[in-house]
């Protein structure tokens, strides 16, 4: 009788162990999939930027520093490897693009150019997809990291060297700032 009880207990523990391991693998793969969705959108963004700059060059002869800053930020973003590096580089690229669009306001002919408007619309759509993908990725990382840290799955995670994943966070404080609305004028 005791042997049967021990045998059942061992079988239950083995199945629990297998379940914890499989859930960790599933969550790790979901994190990788979510990151690949971000990566696809970032590549799309990186591909659009040179076309946008090329269209703007003819109009913005006195703004070469702005265009150069975007090109350099894009190169750094494309060369970043880890999630943390990508996050920082993409924030720098977003800042450079924000400055670019502020400067574009001084060029009404450029703002009226149909090719530029189409590229700007495509870039805006891509930015929205990046934001959605980033949110999805961070949700998956949260689930995965929670599973790694919570008992008893943390025992299995430690045994098989599952490591926490980094969140894709904003580095640019201007993106975090709440816009001020002032109707006093």
Protein backbone atom coordinates (compact mmCIF):
# COMPACT_ATOMS: atom_id res chain seq x y z
CA UNK A 1 0.00 0.00 0.00
CA UNK A 2 2.78 2.42 0.90
CA UNK A 3 4.65 1.43 -2.26
CA UNK A 4 1.58 2.26 -4.35
CA UNK A 5 1.27 5.63 -2.63
CA UNK A 6 5.00 6.38 -3.24
CA UNK A 7 4.68 5.28 -6.86
CA UNK A 8 1.65 7.54 -7.43
CA UNK A 9 3.42 10.44 -5.73
CA UNK A 10 6.48 9.97 -7.97
CA UNK A 11 4.32 9.79 -11.11
CA UNK A 12 2.48 12.97 -10.10
CA UNK A 13 5.78 14.77 -9.43
CA UNK A 14 7.19 13.65 -12.79
CA UNK A 15 4.12 14.92 -14.62
CA UNK A 16 4.27 18.21 -12.71
CA UNK A 17 7.96 18.55 -13.58
CA UNK A 18 7.22 17.88 -17.27
CA UNK A 19 4.35 20.38 -17.17
CA UNK A 20 6.52 23.12 -15.65
CA UNK A 21 9.31 22.48 -18.13
CA UNK A 22 6.94 22.51 -21.13
CA UNK A 23 5.25 25.71 -19.99
CA UNK A 24 8.65 27.41 -19.63
CA UNK A 25 9.64 26.32 -23.13
CA UNK A 26 6.29 27.51 -24.52
CA UNK A 27 6.65 30.91 -22.86
CA UNK A 28 10.27 31.27 -24.00
CA UNK A 29 9.17 30.56 -27.57
CA UNK A 30 6.34 33.08 -27.28
CA UNK A 31 8.87 35.70 -26.18
CA UNK A 32 11.06 34.88 -29.19
CA UNK A 33 8.07 35.08 -31.50
CA UNK A 34 6.99 38.42 -30.04
CA UNK A 35 10.54 39.75 -30.49
CA UNK A 36 10.58 38.63 -34.11
CA UNK A 37 7.39 40.64 -34.67
CA UNK A 38 9.15 43.75 -33.36
CA UNK A 39 12.19 42.96 -35.46
CA UNK A 40 10.09 42.73 -38.65
CA UNK A 41 8.55 46.14 -37.98
CA UNK A 42 11.90 47.69 -37.09
CA UNK A 43 13.36 46.42 -40.37
CA UNK A 44 10.41 47.91 -42.22
CA UNK A 45 11.05 51.21 -40.45
CA UNK A 46 14.76 51.06 -41.29
CA UNK A 47 13.91 50.42 -44.95
CA UNK A 48 11.52 53.39 -45.15
CA UNK A 49 13.85 55.96 -43.61
CA UNK A 50 16.39 56.20 -46.49
CA UNK A 51 13.55 56.80 -48.97
CA UNK A 52 12.13 59.51 -46.75
CA UNK A 53 15.53 61.18 -46.39
CA UNK A 54 16.23 60.95 -50.11
CA UNK A 55 12.90 62.63 -50.86
CA UNK A 56 13.63 65.38 -48.33
CA UNK A 57 17.24 66.04 -49.46
CA UNK A 58 16.19 68.08 -52.46
CA UNK A 59 14.17 70.43 -50.29
CA UNK A 60 16.30 70.56 -47.17
CA UNK A 61 19.65 71.77 -48.46
CA UNK A 62 20.46 73.58 -45.20
CA UNK A 63 19.50 70.70 -42.92
CA UNK A 64 22.28 68.23 -43.68
CA UNK A 65 23.11 67.80 -39.98
CA UNK A 66 19.56 66.64 -39.28
CA UNK A 67 19.65 64.15 -42.15
CA UNK A 68 23.08 62.92 -41.09
CA UNK A 69 21.88 62.40 -37.50
CA UNK A 70 19.03 60.21 -38.75
CA UNK A 71 21.36 58.18 -40.93
CA UNK A 72 23.78 57.60 -38.05
CA UNK A 73 20.99 56.71 -35.62
CA UNK A 74 19.55 54.27 -38.18
CA UNK A 75 22.94 52.60 -38.62
CA UNK A 76 23.35 52.18 -34.86
CA UNK A 77 19.83 50.79 -34.56
CA UNK A 78 20.44 48.27 -37.33
CA UNK A 79 23.70 47.16 -35.68
CA UNK A 80 22.30 46.69 -32.17
CA UNK A 81 22.16 43.09 -30.99
CA UNK A 82 20.54 42.72 -27.57
CA UNK A 83 17.08 43.90 -26.58
CA UNK A 84 18.62 46.59 -24.35
CA UNK A 85 20.91 47.86 -27.11
CA UNK A 86 18.06 47.81 -29.63
CA UNK A 87 15.81 49.67 -27.21
CA UNK A 88 18.37 52.41 -26.65
CA UNK A 89 19.28 52.71 -30.34
CA UNK A 90 15.65 52.78 -31.46
CA UNK A 91 14.90 55.49 -28.91
CA UNK A 92 17.75 57.57 -30.35
CA UNK A 93 16.39 56.98 -33.85
CA UNK A 94 12.90 58.03 -32.75
CA UNK A 95 14.36 61.22 -31.29
CA UNK A 96 16.21 61.99 -34.53
CA UNK A 97 13.05 61.35 -36.54
CA UNK A 98 11.04 63.63 -34.24
CA UNK A 99 13.54 66.43 -34.83
CA UNK A 100 13.38 65.74 -38.56
CA UNK A 101 9.59 66.12 -38.64
CA UNK A 102 9.83 69.37 -36.67
CA UNK A 103 12.28 70.71 -39.28
CA UNK A 104 10.01 69.52 -42.11
CA UNK A 105 7.39 71.99 -40.87
CA UNK A 106 9.64 74.78 -42.25
CA UNK A 107 9.38 73.37 -45.79
CA UNK A 108 5.83 73.69 -47.14
CA UNK A 109 6.83 72.39 -50.58
CA UNK A 110 8.20 69.22 -49.03
CA UNK A 111 5.09 68.78 -46.90
CA UNK A 112 3.00 68.99 -50.09
CA UNK A 113 5.12 66.42 -51.99
CA UNK A 114 2.94 63.34 -52.61
CA UNK A 115 5.85 60.90 -52.40
CA UNK A 116 6.94 62.40 -49.08
CA UNK A 117 3.39 62.29 -47.73
CA UNK A 118 3.01 58.63 -48.73
CA UNK A 119 6.31 57.72 -47.08
CA UNK A 120 5.40 59.68 -43.96
CA UNK A 121 2.05 57.88 -43.76
CA UNK A 122 3.77 54.51 -44.20
CA UNK A 123 6.27 55.38 -41.47
CA UNK A 124 3.49 56.47 -39.13
CA UNK A 125 1.69 53.18 -39.74
CA UNK A 126 4.91 51.30 -39.04
CA UNK A 127 5.47 53.23 -35.82
CA UNK A 128 2.00 52.19 -34.66
CA UNK A 129 2.77 48.55 -35.47
CA UNK A 130 6.05 48.81 -33.55
CA UNK A 131 4.22 50.19 -30.52
CA UNK A 132 1.68 47.35 -30.66
CA UNK A 133 4.44 44.74 -31.13
CA UNK A 134 6.43 46.23 -28.26
CA UNK A 135 3.42 45.95 -25.97
CA UNK A 136 2.84 42.35 -27.00
CA UNK A 137 6.51 41.49 -26.50
CA UNK A 138 6.60 43.07 -23.05
CA UNK A 139 3.47 41.13 -22.07
CA UNK A 140 5.12 37.86 -23.11
CA UNK A 141 8.31 38.77 -21.23
CA UNK A 142 6.23 39.50 -18.13
CA UNK A 143 4.54 36.08 -18.29
CA UNK A 144 7.86 34.32 -18.89
CA UNK A 145 9.74 36.19 -16.13
CA UNK A 146 6.90 35.57 -13.67
CA UNK A 147 6.99 31.86 -14.43
CA UNK A 148 10.76 31.75 -13.89
CA UNK A 149 10.48 33.52 -10.54
CA UNK A 150 7.43 31.77 -9.08
CA UNK A 151 7.52 28.62 -7.01
CA UNK A 152 7.62 25.74 -7.94
CA UNK A 153 8.41 26.45 -11.62
CA UNK A 154 11.47 28.46 -10.49
CA UNK A 155 13.09 25.16 -9.45
CA UNK A 156 12.70 23.73 -12.96
CA UNK A 157 13.81 27.04 -14.49
CA UNK A 158 16.97 26.99 -12.37
CA UNK A 159 17.73 23.38 -13.23
CA UNK A 160 17.53 24.05 -16.96
CA UNK A 161 19.13 27.51 -16.91
CA UNK A 162 16.12 29.52 -18.07
CA UNK A 163 17.10 33.21 -17.85
CA UNK A 164 14.89 36.24 -17.50
CA UNK A 165 14.31 38.28 -20.65
CA UNK A 166 14.70 42.05 -20.92
CA UNK A 167 11.74 44.32 -21.53
CA UNK A 168 11.78 46.55 -24.60
CA UNK A 169 11.64 49.86 -22.75
CA UNK A 170 11.65 53.47 -23.78
CA UNK A 171 14.90 55.31 -23.24
CA UNK A 172 13.76 58.64 -24.62
CA UNK A 173 12.23 60.66 -21.78
CA UNK A 174 10.31 62.82 -24.27
CA UNK A 175 8.21 59.78 -25.22
CA UNK A 176 7.29 59.35 -21.56
CA UNK A 177 6.45 62.99 -20.96
CA UNK A 178 2.80 63.93 -20.68
CA UNK A 179 2.00 66.72 -23.14
CA UNK A 180 0.94 70.00 -21.56
CA UNK A 181 -2.21 71.65 -22.79
CA UNK A 182 -2.38 75.39 -22.31
CA UNK A 183 -5.46 77.38 -23.34
CA UNK A 184 -4.38 80.58 -21.56
CA UNK A 185 -3.28 82.46 -24.69
